[in-house]
N, C-alpha and C. Protein backbone atom coordinates (compact mmCIF):
# COMPACT_ATOMS: atom_id res chain seq x y z
N MET A 1 11.23 37.68 -0.24
CA MET A 1 10.97 38.80 0.77
C MET A 1 12.10 39.26 1.52
N ASP A 2 12.39 40.49 1.69
CA ASP A 2 13.53 41.01 2.39
C ASP A 2 13.52 40.79 3.87
N LEU A 3 14.63 40.71 4.49
CA LEU A 3 14.70 40.60 5.90
C LEU A 3 14.04 41.88 6.72
N ILE A 4 14.25 43.06 5.88
CA ILE A 4 13.68 44.18 6.50
C ILE A 4 12.09 44.12 6.79
N HIS A 5 11.54 43.46 5.75
CA HIS A 5 10.00 43.20 6.02
C HIS A 5 9.49 42.20 6.89
N VAL A 6 10.54 41.28 7.11
CA VAL A 6 10.23 40.13 8.01
C VAL A 6 10.33 40.51 9.54
N GLN A 7 11.29 41.21 9.79
CA GLN A 7 11.71 41.61 11.18
C GLN A 7 10.49 42.13 11.95
N PRO A 8 9.71 43.08 11.47
CA PRO A 8 8.57 43.51 12.29
C PRO A 8 7.53 42.52 12.69
N VAL A 9 7.28 41.62 11.66
CA VAL A 9 6.33 40.53 11.94
C VAL A 9 6.86 39.52 13.00
N VAL A 10 8.20 39.23 12.78
CA VAL A 10 8.79 38.40 13.93
C VAL A 10 8.86 38.97 15.28
N ASN A 11 9.07 40.27 15.42
CA ASN A 11 8.96 41.06 16.66
C ASN A 11 7.47 40.98 17.15
N SER A 12 6.54 41.17 16.29
CA SER A 12 5.13 41.16 16.67
C SER A 12 4.80 39.72 17.46
N VAL A 13 5.22 38.68 16.74
CA VAL A 13 4.81 37.32 17.09
C VAL A 13 5.66 37.08 18.50
N ILE A 14 6.86 37.49 18.63
CA ILE A 14 7.57 37.26 19.80
C ILE A 14 6.92 38.11 21.09
N PHE A 15 6.58 39.28 20.85
CA PHE A 15 6.01 40.13 21.75
C PHE A 15 4.64 39.65 22.19
N SER A 16 3.89 39.07 21.12
CA SER A 16 2.53 38.61 21.56
C SER A 16 2.62 37.36 22.32
N PHE A 17 3.56 36.50 22.10
CA PHE A 17 3.65 35.25 22.88
C PHE A 17 4.20 35.64 24.24
N LEU A 18 5.07 36.64 24.41
CA LEU A 18 5.61 36.98 25.74
C LEU A 18 4.44 37.64 26.53
N GLY A 19 3.58 38.47 25.89
CA GLY A 19 2.58 39.13 26.65
C GLY A 19 1.42 38.13 27.09
N ILE A 20 1.20 37.01 26.22
CA ILE A 20 0.36 36.06 26.69
C ILE A 20 0.84 35.22 27.82
N ILE A 21 2.10 34.88 27.73
CA ILE A 21 2.70 34.24 28.85
C ILE A 21 2.70 34.92 30.13
N ILE A 22 3.13 36.32 30.11
CA ILE A 22 2.97 37.12 31.38
C ILE A 22 1.52 37.19 31.89
N LEU A 23 0.60 37.30 30.92
CA LEU A 23 -0.90 37.37 31.34
C LEU A 23 -1.25 36.14 32.05
N LEU A 24 -0.80 34.99 31.58
CA LEU A 24 -1.03 33.67 32.22
C LEU A 24 -0.51 33.49 33.51
N VAL A 25 0.75 33.94 33.68
CA VAL A 25 1.47 33.87 34.91
C VAL A 25 0.78 34.86 35.99
N ALA A 26 0.37 35.96 35.49
CA ALA A 26 -0.32 36.93 36.46
C ALA A 26 -1.64 36.33 36.95
N TYR A 27 -2.41 35.59 35.94
CA TYR A 27 -3.59 35.04 36.34
C TYR A 27 -3.26 33.74 37.35
N LEU A 28 -2.26 33.10 37.21
CA LEU A 28 -2.13 31.99 38.10
C LEU A 28 -1.74 32.51 39.43
N ILE A 29 -0.98 33.64 39.55
CA ILE A 29 -0.68 34.29 40.83
C ILE A 29 -1.89 34.65 41.47
N ILE A 30 -2.95 35.32 40.80
CA ILE A 30 -4.21 35.72 41.36
C ILE A 30 -4.91 34.53 41.86
N GLU A 31 -4.90 33.45 41.03
CA GLU A 31 -5.55 32.30 41.35
C GLU A 31 -5.13 31.70 42.77
N LYS A 32 -3.72 31.73 43.02
CA LYS A 32 -3.34 31.27 44.18
C LYS A 32 -3.62 32.14 45.31
N LEU A 33 -3.77 33.48 45.20
CA LEU A 33 -3.98 34.56 46.18
C LEU A 33 -5.47 34.45 46.59
N THR A 34 -6.40 33.99 45.78
CA THR A 34 -7.73 34.10 46.05
C THR A 34 -8.18 32.84 46.91
N PRO A 35 -9.18 32.89 47.70
CA PRO A 35 -9.58 31.72 48.50
C PRO A 35 -10.39 30.79 47.68
N GLU A 36 -11.04 31.14 46.67
CA GLU A 36 -11.91 30.24 45.88
C GLU A 36 -11.13 29.96 44.54
N ASN A 37 -11.63 28.93 43.96
CA ASN A 37 -11.18 28.61 42.58
C ASN A 37 -11.93 29.53 41.64
N THR A 38 -11.29 30.51 41.07
CA THR A 38 -12.14 31.54 40.29
C THR A 38 -12.65 30.89 39.01
N TRP A 39 -11.92 29.95 38.36
CA TRP A 39 -12.42 29.31 37.22
C TRP A 39 -13.71 28.46 37.40
N LYS A 40 -13.69 27.85 38.56
CA LYS A 40 -14.76 27.07 38.98
C LYS A 40 -16.09 27.91 39.31
N GLU A 41 -15.73 29.04 39.98
CA GLU A 41 -16.74 30.00 40.39
C GLU A 41 -17.48 30.47 39.01
N VAL A 42 -16.77 30.93 38.13
CA VAL A 42 -17.28 31.50 36.89
C VAL A 42 -18.04 30.37 35.99
N GLY A 43 -17.19 29.33 35.90
CA GLY A 43 -17.66 28.32 35.01
C GLY A 43 -18.71 27.43 35.40
N GLU A 44 -18.79 26.98 36.69
CA GLU A 44 -19.71 26.05 37.17
C GLU A 44 -20.87 26.65 37.96
N LYS A 45 -20.51 27.80 38.80
CA LYS A 45 -21.51 28.29 39.63
C LYS A 45 -22.02 29.66 38.99
N ASN A 46 -21.53 30.02 37.84
CA ASN A 46 -22.12 31.23 37.11
C ASN A 46 -22.04 32.45 37.97
N ASN A 47 -20.88 32.69 38.61
CA ASN A 47 -20.77 33.76 39.44
C ASN A 47 -20.35 35.02 38.66
N VAL A 48 -21.29 35.89 38.36
CA VAL A 48 -21.05 36.99 37.49
C VAL A 48 -20.16 38.00 38.09
N ALA A 49 -20.19 38.32 39.50
CA ALA A 49 -19.36 39.21 40.12
C ALA A 49 -17.87 38.79 39.89
N VAL A 50 -17.55 37.50 40.07
CA VAL A 50 -16.20 37.00 39.96
C VAL A 50 -15.86 37.13 38.55
N ALA A 51 -16.63 36.95 37.49
CA ALA A 51 -16.39 37.08 36.18
C ALA A 51 -16.09 38.53 35.78
N ILE A 52 -16.72 39.43 36.33
CA ILE A 52 -16.58 40.90 36.05
C ILE A 52 -15.13 41.19 36.65
N VAL A 53 -14.80 40.88 37.88
CA VAL A 53 -13.53 41.18 38.38
C VAL A 53 -12.30 40.47 37.59
N LEU A 54 -12.62 39.32 37.19
CA LEU A 54 -11.43 38.58 36.28
C LEU A 54 -11.39 39.32 34.99
N ALA A 55 -12.53 39.81 34.42
CA ALA A 55 -12.37 40.59 33.21
C ALA A 55 -11.67 41.90 33.30
N ALA A 56 -12.01 42.63 34.44
CA ALA A 56 -11.25 43.74 34.77
C ALA A 56 -9.73 43.62 34.93
N PHE A 57 -9.39 42.50 35.66
CA PHE A 57 -8.04 42.14 35.83
C PHE A 57 -7.25 41.84 34.55
N ILE A 58 -7.96 41.04 33.68
CA ILE A 58 -7.21 40.68 32.45
C ILE A 58 -7.15 42.02 31.54
N ILE A 59 -7.99 42.83 31.58
CA ILE A 59 -7.95 44.07 30.74
C ILE A 59 -6.87 45.03 31.43
N GLY A 60 -6.78 45.03 32.74
CA GLY A 60 -5.71 45.97 33.35
C GLY A 60 -4.42 45.39 33.16
N ILE A 61 -4.21 44.06 33.41
CA ILE A 61 -2.87 43.52 33.06
C ILE A 61 -2.47 43.56 31.60
N SER A 62 -3.43 43.41 30.72
CA SER A 62 -3.12 43.57 29.35
C SER A 62 -2.64 44.86 28.86
N MET A 63 -3.37 45.98 29.54
CA MET A 63 -2.84 47.31 29.25
C MET A 63 -1.54 47.64 29.93
N ILE A 64 -1.24 47.02 30.94
CA ILE A 64 0.18 47.13 31.55
C ILE A 64 1.23 46.55 30.58
N ILE A 65 0.87 45.33 30.20
CA ILE A 65 1.83 44.55 29.29
C ILE A 65 2.10 45.37 27.96
N SER A 66 0.99 45.87 27.49
CA SER A 66 1.02 46.59 26.24
C SER A 66 1.91 47.87 26.40
N ALA A 67 1.74 48.56 27.40
CA ALA A 67 2.44 49.73 27.66
C ALA A 67 3.97 49.42 27.87
N ALA A 68 4.24 48.32 28.49
CA ALA A 68 5.69 47.93 28.82
C ALA A 68 6.31 47.50 27.43
N ILE A 69 5.59 46.89 26.53
CA ILE A 69 6.17 46.51 25.30
C ILE A 69 6.39 47.67 24.39
N HIS A 70 5.35 48.55 24.41
CA HIS A 70 5.50 49.73 23.45
C HIS A 70 6.47 50.74 23.96
N GLY A 71 6.80 50.82 25.30
CA GLY A 71 7.69 51.68 25.82
C GLY A 71 7.07 52.83 26.16
């Protein structure tokens, strides 16, 4: 296989890992800023409102990361 065909795959993998790391760091920052443990609220207390807010946060940050990567 040519190096020309491998480079886009390598770039995709690198950018995917970079995007996931940025998303996790952003989540940890939000976790520190909120007064309650969001994971505990969603998982143990079944707080649907917090789950919706976290889902919106993840989608929003993912869109920002995607736009930054694609330029």
